[in-house]
């Protein structure tokens, strides 16, 4: 399993703790230090079965500064996330060809079944 993790985020820390409590030691990607590429984000969207806008943190200042909206083209959103990884919703957990957003953190348990 892989977790896109922000150690400063309580929900991300809780999701990681839940995985560990269930015997899973995931690969931890601190995406603010190692931002995902546009290609990695496209793969992530496929696994999440979500649109690019669905994985945005719309309350971040960058969202407004960049003029993003639900009507923004996917390619522009992916470029914005790659350049400003703070825009990526967190945490995101991946297991094989499936992924989910760990909000609430208990969502991660779905990947353990």
Protein backbone atom coordinates (compact mmCIF):
# COMPACT_ATOMS: atom_id res chain seq x y z
CA UNK A 1 0.00 0.00 0.00
CA UNK A 2 0.98 3.60 -0.59
CA UNK A 3 -0.19 6.68 1.29
CA UNK A 4 0.14 10.23 0.02
CA UNK A 5 0.76 11.75 3.41
CA UNK A 6 1.13 15.14 5.05
CA UNK A 7 2.49 14.67 8.58
CA UNK A 8 1.09 18.06 9.61
CA UNK A 9 -2.49 16.94 8.78
CA UNK A 10 -4.39 15.25 11.60
CA UNK A 11 -6.57 13.21 9.20
CA UNK A 12 -3.49 11.99 7.37
CA UNK A 13 -1.81 11.00 10.63
CA UNK A 14 -4.97 9.20 11.76
CA UNK A 15 -5.24 7.27 8.48
CA UNK A 16 -1.60 6.22 8.69
CA UNK A 17 -2.08 5.13 12.31
CA UNK A 18 -5.14 3.05 11.32
CA UNK A 19 -3.14 1.26 8.64
CA UNK A 20 -0.35 0.51 11.09
CA UNK A 21 -2.80 -0.66 13.76
CA UNK A 22 -4.08 -3.15 11.20
CA UNK A 23 -0.62 -4.53 10.46
CA UNK A 24 0.06 -2.54 7.30
CA UNK A 25 3.28 -0.57 6.90
CA UNK A 26 2.60 1.43 3.73
CA UNK A 27 5.07 3.22 1.52
CA UNK A 28 4.74 6.80 2.75
CA UNK A 29 5.00 9.55 0.17
CA UNK A 30 5.22 12.98 1.73
CA UNK A 31 3.77 14.64 -1.34
CA UNK A 32 4.68 18.17 -0.24
CA UNK A 33 8.36 17.12 -0.39
CA UNK A 34 7.93 14.82 -3.40
CA UNK A 35 5.04 16.17 -5.50
CA UNK A 36 3.34 13.73 -7.86
CA UNK A 37 3.84 14.27 -11.58
CA UNK A 38 0.93 14.91 -13.92
CA UNK A 39 1.31 11.32 -15.13
CA UNK A 40 1.16 9.96 -11.58
CA UNK A 41 -1.89 12.12 -10.90
CA UNK A 42 -3.67 10.75 -14.00
CA UNK A 43 -3.00 7.21 -12.76
CA UNK A 44 -4.26 8.20 -9.34
CA UNK A 45 -7.50 9.59 -10.81
CA UNK A 46 -8.08 6.31 -12.64
CA UNK A 47 -7.64 4.34 -9.43
CA UNK A 48 -9.83 6.74 -7.45
CA UNK A 49 -12.46 6.89 -10.22
CA UNK A 50 -12.74 10.63 -9.59
CA UNK A 51 -12.34 13.81 -11.58
CA UNK A 52 -9.32 16.05 -11.14
CA UNK A 53 -11.42 18.67 -9.37
CA UNK A 54 -12.58 16.02 -6.86
CA UNK A 55 -9.05 15.68 -5.48
CA UNK A 56 -8.51 19.40 -4.96
CA UNK A 57 -8.47 21.16 -1.61
CA UNK A 58 -10.72 24.01 -2.65
CA UNK A 59 -10.22 26.00 0.55
CA UNK A 60 -6.48 26.45 -0.01
CA UNK A 61 -5.42 29.98 -1.01
CA UNK A 62 -3.75 28.59 -4.14
CA UNK A 63 -7.11 27.35 -5.42
CA UNK A 64 -8.46 30.87 -5.54
CA UNK A 65 -5.18 32.47 -6.65
CA UNK A 66 -4.97 30.13 -9.64
CA UNK A 67 -8.60 30.75 -10.60
CA UNK A 68 -9.52 27.06 -10.39
CA UNK A 69 -13.14 25.92 -10.49
CA UNK A 70 -15.20 22.81 -11.27
CA UNK A 71 -15.12 24.01 -14.91
CA UNK A 72 -11.32 24.14 -15.12
CA UNK A 73 -9.85 21.70 -17.64
CA UNK A 74 -8.41 18.53 -16.11
CA UNK A 75 -4.98 19.13 -17.61
CA UNK A 76 -4.80 22.59 -15.99
CA UNK A 77 -5.86 21.16 -12.61
CA UNK A 78 -3.24 18.40 -12.78
CA UNK A 79 -0.56 20.94 -13.69
CA UNK A 80 -1.69 23.11 -10.77
CA UNK A 81 -1.47 20.19 -8.33
CA UNK A 82 1.96 19.14 -9.63
CA UNK A 83 3.23 22.72 -9.19
CA UNK A 84 1.35 23.35 -5.92
CA UNK A 85 1.01 19.99 -4.14
CA UNK A 86 -0.74 21.65 -1.17
CA UNK A 87 -3.81 21.54 -3.46
CA UNK A 88 -3.93 17.72 -3.32
CA UNK A 89 -6.60 16.31 -1.03
CA UNK A 90 -5.14 14.15 1.69
CA UNK A 91 -4.54 11.49 2.60
CA UNK A 92 -4.84 9.29 -0.47
CA UNK A 93 -4.23 5.59 -0.01
CA UNK A 94 -3.47 3.20 -2.87
CA UNK A 95 -3.66 -0.58 -2.93
CA UNK A 96 -3.04 -2.15 -6.31
CA UNK A 97 -5.54 -0.74 -8.81
CA UNK A 98 -7.73 0.83 -6.13
CA UNK A 99 -7.35 4.07 -4.23
CA UNK A 100 -9.41 6.21 -1.91
CA UNK A 101 -9.30 9.45 0.00
CA UNK A 102 -8.89 8.87 3.72
CA UNK A 103 -11.51 11.39 4.82
CA UNK A 104 -12.76 10.30 7.22
CA UNK A 105 -9.68 8.25 8.15
CA UNK A 106 -11.83 5.14 8.65
CA UNK A 107 -12.23 5.00 4.87
CA UNK A 108 -8.82 3.31 4.72
CA UNK A 109 -10.32 0.20 6.28
CA UNK A 110 -12.17 -0.45 3.00
CA UNK A 111 -8.82 -1.26 1.34
CA UNK A 112 -8.03 -3.83 4.04
CA UNK A 113 -11.00 -6.04 3.22
